[in-house]
Amino acid sequence: LATSELAAPFKKIIAALPPHKMSKVV
């Protein structure tokens, strides 16, 4: 949770994941 909130340069990568895959990848 902390990394996903703190790592501004990575947020675009996280946001690019199709929503239906998010739960499995996390």
PDB file of all heavy atoms in Angstrom:
ATOM      1  N   LEU A   1       0.836  -1.203   0.000  1.00  0.00           N
ATOM      2  CA  LEU A   1       0.000   0.000   0.000  1.00  0.00           C
ATOM      3  C   LEU A   1       0.870   1.252   0.000  1.00  0.00           C
ATOM      4  O   LEU A   1       0.633   2.190  -0.773  1.00  0.00           O
ATOM      5  CB  LEU A   1      -0.923   0.007   1.226  1.00  0.00           C
ATOM      6  CG  LEU A   1      -1.778   1.264   1.420  1.00  0.00           C
ATOM      7  CD1 LEU A   1      -2.718   1.455   0.248  1.00  0.00           C
ATOM      8  CD2 LEU A   1      -2.542   1.191   2.734  1.00  0.00           C
ATOM      9  N   ALA A   2       1.894   1.272   0.861  1.00  0.00           N
ATOM     10  CA  ALA A   2       2.768   2.438   0.943  1.00  0.00           C
ATOM     11  C   ALA A   2       3.492   2.671  -0.372  1.00  0.00           C
ATOM     12  O   ALA A   2       3.552   3.802  -0.871  1.00  0.00           O
ATOM     13  CB  ALA A   2       3.769   2.259   2.080  1.00  0.00           C
ATOM     14  N   THR A   3       4.038   1.613  -0.945  1.00  0.00           N
ATOM     15  CA  THR A   3       4.765   1.761  -2.208  1.00  0.00           C
ATOM     16  C   THR A   3       3.846   2.256  -3.315  1.00  0.00           C
ATOM     17  O   THR A   3       4.218   3.137  -4.108  1.00  0.00           O
ATOM     18  CB  THR A   3       5.413   0.427  -2.615  1.00  0.00           C
ATOM     19  OG1 THR A   3       6.329   0.023  -1.599  1.00  0.00           O
ATOM     20  CG2 THR A   3       6.165   0.569  -3.932  1.00  0.00           C
ATOM     21  N   SER A   4       2.638   1.727  -3.378  1.00  0.00           N
ATOM     22  CA  SER A   4       1.706   2.136  -4.429  1.00  0.00           C
ATOM     23  C   SER A   4       1.308   3.600  -4.279  1.00  0.00           C
ATOM     24  O   SER A   4       1.000   4.269  -5.277  1.00  0.00           O
ATOM     25  CB  SER A   4       0.466   1.243  -4.408  1.00  0.00           C
ATOM     26  OG  SER A   4      -0.306   1.456  -3.226  1.00  0.00           O
ATOM     27  N   GLU A   5       1.326   4.110  -3.059  1.00  0.00           N
ATOM     28  CA  GLU A   5       0.980   5.514  -2.829  1.00  0.00           C
ATOM     29  C   GLU A   5       2.174   6.451  -2.992  1.00  0.00           C
ATOM     30  O   GLU A   5       2.022   7.596  -3.424  1.00  0.00           O
ATOM     31  CB  GLU A   5       0.400   5.682  -1.420  1.00  0.00           C
ATOM     32  CG  GLU A   5      -0.956   5.027  -1.251  1.00  0.00           C
ATOM     33  CD  GLU A   5      -1.573   5.280   0.117  1.00  0.00           C
ATOM     34  OE1 GLU A   5      -0.865   5.777   1.024  1.00  0.00           O
ATOM     35  OE2 GLU A   5      -2.774   4.982   0.277  1.00  0.00           O
ATOM     36  N   LEU A   6       3.373   5.963  -2.658  1.00  0.00           N
ATOM     37  CA  LEU A   6       4.552   6.824  -2.623  1.00  0.00           C
ATOM     38  C   LEU A   6       5.261   6.943  -3.962  1.00  0.00           C
ATOM     39  O   LEU A   6       5.833   7.992  -4.276  1.00  0.00           O
ATOM     40  CB  LEU A   6       5.551   6.295  -1.586  1.00  0.00           C
ATOM     41  CG  LEU A   6       5.116   6.360  -0.124  1.00  0.00           C
ATOM     42  CD1 LEU A   6       6.074   5.563   0.747  1.00  0.00           C
ATOM     43  CD2 LEU A   6       5.055   7.809   0.346  1.00  0.00           C
ATOM     44  N   ALA A   7       5.281   5.869  -4.733  1.00  0.00           N
ATOM     45  CA  ALA A   7       6.136   5.807  -5.920  1.00  0.00           C
ATOM     46  C   ALA A   7       5.470   6.496  -7.106  1.00  0.00           C
ATOM     47  O   ALA A   7       4.914   5.847  -7.999  1.00  0.00           O
ATOM     48  CB  ALA A   7       6.473   4.358  -6.254  1.00  0.00           C
ATOM     49  N   ALA A   8       5.561   7.808  -7.137  1.00  0.00           N
ATOM     50  CA  ALA A   8       4.901   8.577  -8.197  1.00  0.00           C
ATOM     51  C   ALA A   8       5.279   8.114  -9.608  1.00  0.00           C
ATOM     52  O   ALA A   8       4.405   7.985 -10.467  1.00  0.00           O
ATOM     53  CB  ALA A   8       5.204  10.063  -8.017  1.00  0.00           C
ATOM     54  N   PRO A   9       6.559   7.832  -9.917  1.00  0.00           N
ATOM     55  CA  PRO A   9       6.894   7.418 -11.289  1.00  0.00           C
ATOM     56  C   PRO A   9       6.268   6.081 -11.694  1.00  0.00           C
ATOM     57  O   PRO A   9       6.131   5.795 -12.871  1.00  0.00           O
ATOM     58  CB  PRO A   9       8.423   7.303 -11.250  1.00  0.00           C
ATOM     59  CG  PRO A   9       8.855   8.153 -10.111  1.00  0.00           C
ATOM     60  CD  PRO A   9       7.758   8.015  -9.092  1.00  0.00           C
ATOM     61  N   PHE A  10       5.903   5.248 -10.707  1.00  0.00           N
ATOM     62  CA  PHE A  10       5.360   3.928 -11.016  1.00  0.00           C
ATOM     63  C   PHE A  10       3.839   3.925 -11.135  1.00  0.00           C
ATOM     64  O   PHE A  10       3.244   2.929 -11.559  1.00  0.00           O
ATOM     65  CB  PHE A  10       5.766   2.923  -9.943  1.00  0.00           C
ATOM     66  CG  PHE A  10       7.260   2.778  -9.790  1.00  0.00           C
ATOM     67  CD1 PHE A  10       7.812   2.442  -8.567  1.00  0.00           C
ATOM     68  CD2 PHE A  10       8.114   2.982 -10.867  1.00  0.00           C
ATOM     69  CE1 PHE A  10       9.183   2.315  -8.416  1.00  0.00           C
ATOM     70  CE2 PHE A  10       9.486   2.862 -10.736  1.00  0.00           C
ATOM     71  CZ  PHE A  10      10.030   2.522  -9.512  1.00  0.00           C
ATOM     72  N   LYS A  11       3.208   5.024 -10.748  1.00  0.00           N
ATOM     73  CA  LYS A  11       1.750   5.029 -10.736  1.00  0.00           C
ATOM     74  C   LYS A  11       1.149   4.865 -12.127  1.00  0.00           C
ATOM     75  O   LYS A  11       0.079   4.284 -12.287  1.00  0.00           O
ATOM     76  CB  LYS A  11       1.236   6.300 -10.069  1.00  0.00           C
ATOM     77  CG  LYS A  11       1.449   6.296  -8.553  1.00  0.00           C
ATOM     78  CD  LYS A  11       0.802   7.487  -7.882  1.00  0.00           C
ATOM     79  CE  LYS A  11       0.963   7.405  -6.368  1.00  0.00           C
ATOM     80  NZ  LYS A  11       0.318   8.526  -5.667  1.00  0.00           N
ATOM     81  N   LYS A  12       1.883   5.358 -13.147  1.00  0.00           N
ATOM     82  CA  LYS A  12       1.384   5.208 -14.512  1.00  0.00           C
ATOM     83  C   LYS A  12       1.371   3.744 -14.927  1.00  0.00           C
ATOM     84  O   LYS A  12       0.486   3.299 -15.653  1.00  0.00           O
ATOM     85  CB  LYS A  12       2.232   6.033 -15.474  1.00  0.00           C
ATOM     86  CG  LYS A  12       2.072   7.539 -15.294  1.00  0.00           C
ATOM     87  CD  LYS A  12       2.972   8.305 -16.255  1.00  0.00           C
ATOM     88  CE  LYS A  12       2.843   9.806 -16.035  1.00  0.00           C
ATOM     89  NZ  LYS A  12       3.770  10.563 -16.927  1.00  0.00           N
ATOM     90  N   ILE A  13       2.372   2.993 -14.473  1.00  0.00           N
ATOM     91  CA  ILE A  13       2.426   1.559 -14.781  1.00  0.00           C
ATOM     92  C   ILE A  13       1.267   0.839 -14.102  1.00  0.00           C
ATOM     93  O   ILE A  13       0.576   0.018 -14.711  1.00  0.00           O
ATOM     94  CB  ILE A  13       3.773   0.967 -14.328  1.00  0.00           C
ATOM     95  CG1 ILE A  13       4.918   1.621 -15.111  1.00  0.00           C
ATOM     96  CG2 ILE A  13       3.787  -0.544 -14.504  1.00  0.00           C
ATOM     97  CD1 ILE A  13       6.293   1.215 -14.621  1.00  0.00           C
ATOM     98  N   ILE A  14       1.060   1.172 -12.835  1.00  0.00           N
ATOM     99  CA  ILE A  14      -0.028   0.542 -12.090  1.00  0.00           C
ATOM    100  C   ILE A  14      -1.386   0.884 -12.722  1.00  0.00           C
ATOM    101  O   ILE A  14      -2.249   0.017 -12.900  1.00  0.00           O
ATOM    102  CB  ILE A  14       0.011   0.983 -10.618  1.00  0.00           C
ATOM    103  CG1 ILE A  14       1.315   0.490  -9.955  1.00  0.00           C
ATOM    104  CG2 ILE A  14      -1.204   0.482  -9.854  1.00  0.00           C
ATOM    105  CD1 ILE A  14       1.570   1.065  -8.577  1.00  0.00           C
ATOM    106  N   ALA A  15      -1.538   2.158 -13.099  1.00  0.00           N
ATOM    107  CA  ALA A  15      -2.807   2.599 -13.679  1.00  0.00           C
ATOM    108  C   ALA A  15      -3.063   1.998 -15.052  1.00  0.00           C
ATOM    109  O   ALA A  15      -4.220   1.902 -15.490  1.00  0.00           O
ATOM    110  CB  ALA A  15      -2.828   4.120 -13.769  1.00  0.00           C
ATOM    111  N   ALA A  16      -1.992   1.570 -15.746  1.00  0.00           N
ATOM    112  CA  ALA A  16      -2.143   1.025 -17.096  1.00  0.00           C
ATOM    113  C   ALA A  16      -2.640  -0.418 -17.095  1.00  0.00           C
ATOM    114  O   ALA A  16      -3.024  -0.945 -18.141  1.00  0.00           O
ATOM    115  CB  ALA A  16      -0.818   1.112 -17.848  1.00  0.00           C
ATOM    116  N   LEU A  17      -2.630  -1.058 -15.937  1.00  0.00           N
ATOM    117  CA  LEU A  17      -3.099  -2.442 -15.864  1.00  0.00           C
ATOM    118  C   LEU A  17      -4.620  -2.494 -16.038  1.00  0.00           C
ATOM    119  O   LEU A  17      -5.344  -1.738 -15.397  1.00  0.00           O
ATOM    120  CB  LEU A  17      -2.714  -3.043 -14.508  1.00  0.00           C
ATOM    121  CG  LEU A  17      -3.020  -4.530 -14.331  1.00  0.00           C
ATOM    122  CD1 LEU A  17      -2.019  -5.362 -15.137  1.00  0.00           C
ATOM    123  CD2 LEU A  17      -2.965  -4.918 -12.854  1.00  0.00           C
ATOM    124  N   PRO A  18      -5.122  -3.392 -16.895  1.00  0.00           N
ATOM    125  CA  PRO A  18      -6.583  -3.520 -17.028  1.00  0.00           C
ATOM    126  C   PRO A  18      -7.232  -3.813 -15.677  1.00  0.00           C
ATOM    127  O   PRO A  18      -6.727  -4.647 -14.915  1.00  0.00           O
ATOM    128  CB  PRO A  18      -6.728  -4.713 -17.979  1.00  0.00           C
ATOM    129  CG  PRO A  18      -5.455  -4.718 -18.767  1.00  0.00           C
ATOM    130  CD  PRO A  18      -4.399  -4.260 -17.818  1.00  0.00           C
ATOM    131  N   PRO A  19      -8.309  -3.124 -15.352  1.00  0.00           N
ATOM    132  CA  PRO A  19      -8.929  -3.270 -14.033  1.00  0.00           C
ATOM    133  C   PRO A  19      -9.257  -4.705 -13.644  1.00  0.00           C
ATOM    134  O   PRO A  19      -9.123  -5.080 -12.473  1.00  0.00           O
ATOM    135  CB  PRO A  19     -10.196  -2.422 -14.150  1.00  0.00           C
ATOM    136  CG  PRO A  19      -9.870  -1.398 -15.193  1.00  0.00           C
ATOM    137  CD  PRO A  19      -8.984  -2.102 -16.166  1.00  0.00           C
ATOM    138  N   HIS A  20      -9.650  -5.524 -14.610  1.00  0.00           N
ATOM    139  CA  HIS A  20     -10.050  -6.895 -14.265  1.00  0.00           C
ATOM    140  C   HIS A  20      -8.855  -7.760 -13.851  1.00  0.00           C
ATOM    141  O   HIS A  20      -9.033  -8.847 -13.297  1.00  0.00           O
ATOM    142  CB  HIS A  20     -10.799  -7.542 -15.433  1.00  0.00           C
ATOM    143  CG  HIS A  20      -9.948  -7.849 -16.629  1.00  0.00           C
ATOM    144  ND1 HIS A  20      -9.631  -6.892 -17.584  1.00  0.00           N
ATOM    145  CD2 HIS A  20      -9.330  -8.995 -17.015  1.00  0.00           C
ATOM    146  CE1 HIS A  20      -8.866  -7.446 -18.514  1.00  0.00           C
ATOM    147  NE2 HIS A  20      -8.669  -8.718 -18.194  1.00  0.00           N
ATOM    148  N   LYS A  21      -7.636  -7.273 -14.085  1.00  0.00           N
ATOM    149  CA  LYS A  21      -6.442  -8.029 -13.699  1.00  0.00           C
ATOM    150  C   LYS A  21      -5.836  -7.534 -12.382  1.00  0.00           C
ATOM    151  O   LYS A  21      -4.916  -8.151 -11.847  1.00  0.00           O
ATOM    152  CB  LYS A  21      -5.382  -7.936 -14.795  1.00  0.00           C
ATOM    153  CG  LYS A  21      -5.775  -8.600 -16.096  1.00  0.00           C
ATOM    154  CD  LYS A  21      -4.643  -8.549 -17.112  1.00  0.00           C
ATOM    155  CE  LYS A  21      -5.030  -9.262 -18.402  1.00  0.00           C
ATOM    156  NZ  LYS A  21      -3.931  -9.238 -19.402  1.00  0.00           N
ATOM    157  N   MET A  22      -6.349  -6.406 -11.888  1.00  0.00           N
ATOM    158  CA  MET A  22      -5.708  -5.746 -10.750  1.00  0.00           C
ATOM    159  C   MET A  22      -5.629  -6.642  -9.523  1.00  0.00           C
ATOM    160  O   MET A  22      -4.574  -6.781  -8.892  1.00  0.00           O
ATOM    161  CB  MET A  22      -6.452  -4.451 -10.409  1.00  0.00           C
ATOM    162  CG  MET A  22      -5.776  -3.621  -9.316  1.00  0.00           C
ATOM    163  SD  MET A  22      -4.156  -2.976  -9.822  1.00  0.00           S
ATOM    164  CE  MET A  22      -4.670  -1.755 -11.052  1.00  0.00           C
ATOM    165  N   SER A  23      -6.719  -7.266  -9.129  1.00  0.00           N
ATOM    166  CA  SER A  23      -6.750  -8.058  -7.908  1.00  0.00           C
ATOM    167  C   SER A  23      -5.735  -9.199  -7.957  1.00  0.00           C
ATOM    168  O   SER A  23      -4.977  -9.423  -7.006  1.00  0.00           O
ATOM    169  CB  SER A  23      -8.161  -8.613  -7.679  1.00  0.00           C
ATOM    170  OG  SER A  23      -8.190  -9.419  -6.521  1.00  0.00           O
ATOM    171  N   LYS A  24      -5.685  -9.895  -9.086  1.00  0.00           N
ATOM    172  CA  LYS A  24      -4.767 -11.021  -9.226  1.00  0.00           C
ATOM    173  C   LYS A  24      -3.317 -10.556  -9.156  1.00  0.00           C
ATOM    174  O   LYS A  24      -2.477 -11.180  -8.488  1.00  0.00           O
ATOM    175  CB  LYS A  24      -5.029 -11.744 -10.543  1.00  0.00           C
ATOM    176  CG  LYS A  24      -4.114 -12.935 -10.768  1.00  0.00           C
ATOM    177  CD  LYS A  24      -4.415 -13.627 -12.094  1.00  0.00           C
ATOM    178  CE  LYS A  24      -3.466 -14.802 -12.326  1.00  0.00           C
ATOM    179  NZ  LYS A  24      -3.748 -15.479 -13.631  1.00  0.00           N
ATOM    180  N   VAL A  25      -3.002  -9.448  -9.830  1.00  0.00           N
ATOM    181  CA  VAL A  25      -1.620  -8.952  -9.862  1.00  0.00           C
ATOM    182  C   VAL A  25      -1.197  -8.437  -8.489  1.00  0.00           C
ATOM    183  O   VAL A  25      -0.083  -8.719  -8.026  1.00  0.00           O
ATOM    184  CB  VAL A  25      -1.463  -7.857 -10.939  1.00  0.00           C
ATOM    185  CG1 VAL A  25      -0.100  -7.184 -10.826  1.00  0.00           C
ATOM    186  CG2 VAL A  25      -1.631  -8.459 -12.325  1.00  0.00           C
ATOM    187  N   VAL A  26      -2.072  -7.713  -7.818  1.00  0.00           N
ATOM    188  CA  VAL A  26      -1.738  -7.215  -6.480  1.00  0.00           C
ATOM    189  C   VAL A  26      -1.518  -8.384  -5.523  1.00  0.00           C
ATOM    190  O   VAL A  26      -0.589  -8.351  -4.691  1.00  0.00           O
ATOM    191  CB  VAL A  26      -2.834  -6.261  -5.957  1.00  0.00           C
ATOM    192  CG1 VAL A  26      -2.625  -5.967  -4.475  1.00  0.00           C
ATOM    193  CG2 VAL A  26      -2.825  -4.968  -6.758  1.00  0.00           C
TER     194      VAL A  26
END
